[in-house]
Amino acid sequence: MENWRRQPGDVVFLRPSPRATQRTKNRIREHRGTFKLLRGPQVLECLGGRPCVLLQPMGSKGPNADWWGWLPLEEIELVEVAPPPDEGGVQW
């Protein structure tokens, strides 16, 4: 959880951890690993009582572009963090 001391709005680049389920691998692949952090970490009973983060994909296209949801921390690895885009600045 050390890597997740991030602020909502931060753009994070993720990859699946070796423990990742197929669901997590699919979400990361479908959205090219780039997400905006909305909330977290938060323990969710619906995901086995594990700490999770709420993510929104950045720049996705296709049938799953509208997905946003929770991914368990133990199933993801943080690759990089970018500051949130400005209102008039770079659009992700």
N, C-alpha and C. Protein backbone atom coordinates (compact mmCIF):
# COMPACT_ATOMS: atom_id res chain seq x y z
N MET A 1 0.81 -1.19 0.00
CA MET A 1 0.00 0.00 0.00
C MET A 1 0.86 1.26 0.00
N GLU A 2 2.14 1.10 0.21
CA GLU A 2 3.07 2.22 0.25
C GLU A 2 3.00 3.06 -1.03
N ASN A 3 2.91 2.41 -2.17
CA ASN A 3 2.87 3.13 -3.45
C ASN A 3 1.57 3.88 -3.67
N TRP A 4 0.58 3.66 -2.84
CA TRP A 4 -0.74 4.24 -3.10
C TRP A 4 -1.03 5.46 -2.26
N ARG A 5 -0.02 6.12 -1.79
CA ARG A 5 -0.22 7.40 -1.12
C ARG A 5 -0.29 8.47 -2.20
N ARG A 6 -1.33 8.41 -2.96
CA ARG A 6 -1.55 9.29 -4.10
C ARG A 6 -2.81 10.11 -3.86
N GLN A 7 -2.95 11.16 -4.63
CA GLN A 7 -4.10 12.04 -4.51
C GLN A 7 -5.13 11.69 -5.59
N PRO A 8 -6.42 11.80 -5.26
CA PRO A 8 -7.42 11.65 -6.31
C PRO A 8 -7.12 12.62 -7.45
N GLY A 9 -7.25 12.14 -8.66
CA GLY A 9 -6.94 12.95 -9.84
C GLY A 9 -5.59 12.61 -10.44
N ASP A 10 -4.70 11.98 -9.66
CA ASP A 10 -3.40 11.57 -10.22
C ASP A 10 -3.63 10.57 -11.35
N VAL A 11 -2.83 10.67 -12.39
CA VAL A 11 -2.86 9.71 -13.48
C VAL A 11 -1.80 8.65 -13.17
N VAL A 12 -2.23 7.39 -13.16
CA VAL A 12 -1.32 6.29 -12.83
C VAL A 12 -1.21 5.33 -14.00
N PHE A 13 -0.02 4.79 -14.17
CA PHE A 13 0.25 3.80 -15.20
C PHE A 13 0.46 2.48 -14.47
N LEU A 14 -0.33 1.46 -14.82
CA LEU A 14 -0.35 0.20 -14.09
C LEU A 14 0.01 -0.98 -14.97
N ARG A 15 0.44 -2.05 -14.31
CA ARG A 15 0.57 -3.35 -14.95
C ARG A 15 0.04 -4.37 -13.96
N PRO A 16 -0.41 -5.53 -14.45
CA PRO A 16 -0.90 -6.56 -13.54
C PRO A 16 0.25 -7.15 -12.73
N SER A 17 -0.02 -7.46 -11.48
CA SER A 17 0.98 -8.13 -10.65
C SER A 17 0.95 -9.63 -10.98
N PRO A 18 1.94 -10.39 -10.52
CA PRO A 18 1.92 -11.84 -10.76
C PRO A 18 0.69 -12.52 -10.14
N ARG A 19 0.06 -11.88 -9.15
CA ARG A 19 -1.13 -12.45 -8.49
C ARG A 19 -2.44 -12.00 -9.14
N ALA A 20 -2.38 -11.26 -10.22
CA ALA A 20 -3.58 -10.68 -10.83
C ALA A 20 -4.52 -11.75 -11.38
N THR A 21 -5.81 -11.50 -11.18
CA THR A 21 -6.84 -12.35 -11.78
C THR A 21 -7.00 -11.97 -13.25
N GLN A 22 -7.72 -12.80 -13.98
CA GLN A 22 -7.96 -12.49 -15.39
C GLN A 22 -8.75 -11.20 -15.54
N ARG A 23 -9.67 -10.92 -14.62
CA ARG A 23 -10.46 -9.68 -14.66
C ARG A 23 -9.53 -8.47 -14.62
N THR A 24 -8.59 -8.45 -13.69
CA THR A 24 -7.66 -7.33 -13.57
C THR A 24 -6.78 -7.22 -14.81
N LYS A 25 -6.26 -8.34 -15.28
CA LYS A 25 -5.43 -8.33 -16.49
C LYS A 25 -6.21 -7.75 -17.67
N ASN A 26 -7.47 -8.16 -17.80
CA ASN A 26 -8.31 -7.66 -18.89
C ASN A 26 -8.52 -6.15 -18.80
N ARG A 27 -8.85 -5.65 -17.59
CA ARG A 27 -9.09 -4.21 -17.44
C ARG A 27 -7.84 -3.42 -17.79
N ILE A 28 -6.68 -3.85 -17.34
CA ILE A 28 -5.45 -3.13 -17.63
C ILE A 28 -5.14 -3.17 -19.13
N ARG A 29 -5.31 -4.33 -19.74
CA ARG A 29 -5.07 -4.46 -21.18
C ARG A 29 -6.06 -3.61 -21.98
N GLU A 30 -7.34 -3.69 -21.65
CA GLU A 30 -8.38 -2.96 -22.39
C GLU A 30 -8.17 -1.45 -22.34
N HIS A 31 -7.58 -0.97 -21.27
CA HIS A 31 -7.43 0.47 -21.09
C HIS A 31 -5.98 0.92 -21.14
N ARG A 32 -5.13 0.07 -21.71
CA ARG A 32 -3.73 0.40 -21.97
C ARG A 32 -2.96 0.80 -20.72
N GLY A 33 -3.44 0.41 -19.55
CA GLY A 33 -2.72 0.62 -18.31
C GLY A 33 -2.72 2.03 -17.76
N THR A 34 -3.48 2.94 -18.38
CA THR A 34 -3.48 4.34 -17.95
C THR A 34 -4.83 4.69 -17.32
N PHE A 35 -4.78 5.13 -16.06
CA PHE A 35 -6.00 5.39 -15.30
C PHE A 35 -5.86 6.66 -14.48
N LYS A 36 -7.00 7.26 -14.16
CA LYS A 36 -7.04 8.35 -13.19
C LYS A 36 -7.51 7.76 -11.87
N LEU A 37 -6.81 8.07 -10.80
CA LEU A 37 -7.18 7.59 -9.47
C LEU A 37 -8.34 8.43 -8.95
N LEU A 38 -9.46 7.75 -8.66
CA LEU A 38 -10.64 8.45 -8.16
C LEU A 38 -10.74 8.36 -6.64
N ARG A 39 -10.49 7.17 -6.08
CA ARG A 39 -10.57 6.95 -4.63
C ARG A 39 -9.69 5.78 -4.24
N GLY A 40 -9.32 5.78 -2.98
CA GLY A 40 -8.64 4.62 -2.46
C GLY A 40 -7.35 4.96 -1.77
N PRO A 41 -6.71 3.98 -1.21
CA PRO A 41 -7.22 2.62 -1.08
C PRO A 41 -8.33 2.52 -0.04
N GLN A 42 -9.21 1.57 -0.29
CA GLN A 42 -10.36 1.33 0.57
C GLN A 42 -10.61 -0.17 0.60
N VAL A 43 -10.89 -0.71 1.77
CA VAL A 43 -11.18 -2.14 1.91
C VAL A 43 -12.61 -2.38 1.45
N LEU A 44 -12.78 -3.33 0.52
CA LEU A 44 -14.11 -3.64 -0.01
C LEU A 44 -14.47 -5.09 0.29
N GLU A 45 -15.58 -5.28 0.97
CA GLU A 45 -16.05 -6.64 1.27
C GLU A 45 -16.41 -7.39 -0.01
N CYS A 46 -16.93 -6.68 -1.01
CA CYS A 46 -17.35 -7.34 -2.25
C CYS A 46 -16.16 -7.89 -3.04
N LEU A 47 -14.95 -7.44 -2.72
CA LEU A 47 -13.75 -7.97 -3.37
C LEU A 47 -12.88 -8.71 -2.35
N GLY A 48 -13.54 -9.43 -1.47
CA GLY A 48 -12.84 -10.29 -0.52
C GLY A 48 -12.22 -9.57 0.65
N GLY A 49 -12.69 -8.38 0.97
CA GLY A 49 -12.14 -7.63 2.09
C GLY A 49 -10.73 -7.12 1.85
N ARG A 50 -10.38 -6.96 0.58
CA ARG A 50 -9.03 -6.51 0.21
C ARG A 50 -9.00 -5.01 -0.05
N PRO A 51 -7.86 -4.35 0.20
CA PRO A 51 -7.73 -2.94 -0.17
C PRO A 51 -7.76 -2.79 -1.69
N CYS A 52 -8.54 -1.82 -2.14
CA CYS A 52 -8.73 -1.59 -3.58
C CYS A 52 -8.66 -0.10 -3.88
N VAL A 53 -8.47 0.22 -5.15
CA VAL A 53 -8.51 1.61 -5.61
C VAL A 53 -9.56 1.72 -6.71
N LEU A 54 -10.25 2.87 -6.72
CA LEU A 54 -11.25 3.15 -7.74
C LEU A 54 -10.57 3.91 -8.86
N LEU A 55 -10.68 3.38 -10.07
CA LEU A 55 -9.96 3.91 -11.22
C LEU A 55 -10.90 4.25 -12.37
N GLN A 56 -10.53 5.28 -13.11
CA GLN A 56 -11.22 5.65 -14.35
C GLN A 56 -10.20 5.60 -15.46
N PRO A 57 -10.48 4.89 -16.56
CA PRO A 57 -9.52 4.81 -17.66
C PRO A 57 -9.32 6.18 -18.32
N MET A 58 -8.14 6.37 -18.86
CA MET A 58 -7.80 7.62 -19.56
C MET A 58 -7.57 7.31 -21.03
N GLY A 59 -8.36 7.89 -21.90
CA GLY A 59 -8.13 7.77 -23.33
C GLY A 59 -8.48 6.44 -23.95
N SER A 60 -9.36 5.66 -23.31
CA SER A 60 -9.74 4.36 -23.88
C SER A 60 -10.77 4.52 -24.98
N LYS A 61 -10.76 3.56 -25.90
CA LYS A 61 -11.75 3.51 -26.97
C LYS A 61 -12.30 2.10 -27.04
N GLY A 62 -13.40 1.93 -27.69
CA GLY A 62 -13.97 0.60 -27.86
C GLY A 62 -15.14 0.35 -26.93
N PRO A 63 -15.63 -0.89 -26.93
CA PRO A 63 -16.86 -1.20 -26.21
C PRO A 63 -16.76 -1.06 -24.69
N ASN A 64 -15.57 -1.13 -24.11
CA ASN A 64 -15.41 -1.03 -22.66
C ASN A 64 -14.86 0.32 -22.22
N ALA A 65 -14.90 1.32 -23.08
CA ALA A 65 -14.30 2.62 -22.78
C ALA A 65 -14.98 3.31 -21.59
N ASP A 66 -16.24 3.02 -21.34
CA ASP A 66 -16.98 3.67 -20.26
C ASP A 66 -16.76 3.00 -18.90
N TRP A 67 -16.02 1.89 -18.87
CA TRP A 67 -15.79 1.20 -17.60
C TRP A 67 -15.02 2.08 -16.64
N TRP A 68 -15.40 2.05 -15.40
CA TRP A 68 -14.57 2.53 -14.30
C TRP A 68 -14.92 1.64 -13.13
N GLY A 69 -13.94 1.37 -12.30
CA GLY A 69 -14.22 0.46 -11.20
C GLY A 69 -13.03 0.24 -10.29
N TRP A 70 -13.23 -0.71 -9.38
CA TRP A 70 -12.26 -1.01 -8.34
C TRP A 70 -11.34 -2.13 -8.76
N LEU A 71 -10.05 -1.97 -8.48
CA LEU A 71 -9.09 -3.05 -8.67
C LEU A 71 -8.34 -3.26 -7.35
N PRO A 72 -8.15 -4.54 -6.95
CA PRO A 72 -7.43 -4.82 -5.71
C PRO A 72 -5.95 -4.45 -5.83
N LEU A 73 -5.42 -3.85 -4.79
CA LEU A 73 -4.01 -3.44 -4.79
C LEU A 73 -3.05 -4.61 -4.99
N GLU A 74 -3.38 -5.77 -4.44
CA GLU A 74 -2.47 -6.91 -4.57
C GLU A 74 -2.40 -7.43 -6.00
N GLU A 75 -3.30 -6.97 -6.87
CA GLU A 75 -3.32 -7.44 -8.25
C GLU A 75 -2.73 -6.45 -9.24
N ILE A 76 -2.28 -5.30 -8.75
CA ILE A 76 -1.73 -4.29 -9.66
C ILE A 76 -0.39 -3.79 -9.16
N GLU A 77 0.43 -3.33 -10.11
CA GLU A 77 1.72 -2.72 -9.80
C GLU A 77 1.75 -1.32 -10.40
N LEU A 78 2.18 -0.38 -9.61
CA LEU A 78 2.31 0.99 -10.05
C LEU A 78 3.59 1.14 -10.86
N VAL A 79 3.47 1.60 -12.09
CA VAL A 79 4.63 1.79 -12.96
C VAL A 79 5.10 3.23 -12.87
N GLU A 80 4.17 4.16 -12.92
CA GLU A 80 4.51 5.58 -12.95
C GLU A 80 3.29 6.38 -12.52
N VAL A 81 3.54 7.60 -12.04
CA VAL A 81 2.46 8.52 -11.67
C VAL A 81 2.72 9.84 -12.36
N ALA A 82 1.66 10.42 -12.89
CA ALA A 82 1.75 11.75 -13.49
C ALA A 82 0.81 12.67 -12.72
N PRO A 83 1.13 13.94 -12.62
CA PRO A 83 0.21 14.87 -11.96
C PRO A 83 -1.08 14.98 -12.75
N PRO A 84 -2.17 15.35 -12.08
CA PRO A 84 -3.44 15.50 -12.81
C PRO A 84 -3.32 16.57 -13.90
N PRO A 85 -3.99 16.36 -15.05
CA PRO A 85 -3.94 17.36 -16.11
C PRO A 85 -4.64 18.65 -15.67
N ASP A 86 -4.12 19.79 -16.13
CA ASP A 86 -4.76 21.08 -15.84
C ASP A 86 -6.05 21.18 -16.63
N GLU A 87 -6.85 22.12 -16.21
CA GLU A 87 -8.09 22.38 -16.97
C GLU A 87 -7.76 22.79 -18.40
N GLY A 88 -6.74 23.62 -18.59
CA GLY A 88 -6.41 24.08 -19.93
C GLY A 88 -5.15 23.43 -20.48
N GLY A 89 -4.61 22.45 -19.77
CA GLY A 89 -3.35 21.86 -20.17
C GLY A 89 -3.52 20.59 -20.99
N VAL A 90 -2.61 19.69 -20.79
CA VAL A 90 -2.59 18.45 -21.55
C VAL A 90 -3.82 17.62 -21.24
N GLN A 91 -4.44 17.10 -22.25
CA GLN A 91 -5.59 16.22 -22.08
C GLN A 91 -5.15 14.78 -22.29
N TRP A 92 -5.44 13.92 -21.37
CA TRP A 92 -5.02 12.51 -21.43
C TRP A 92 -6.00 11.72 -22.23
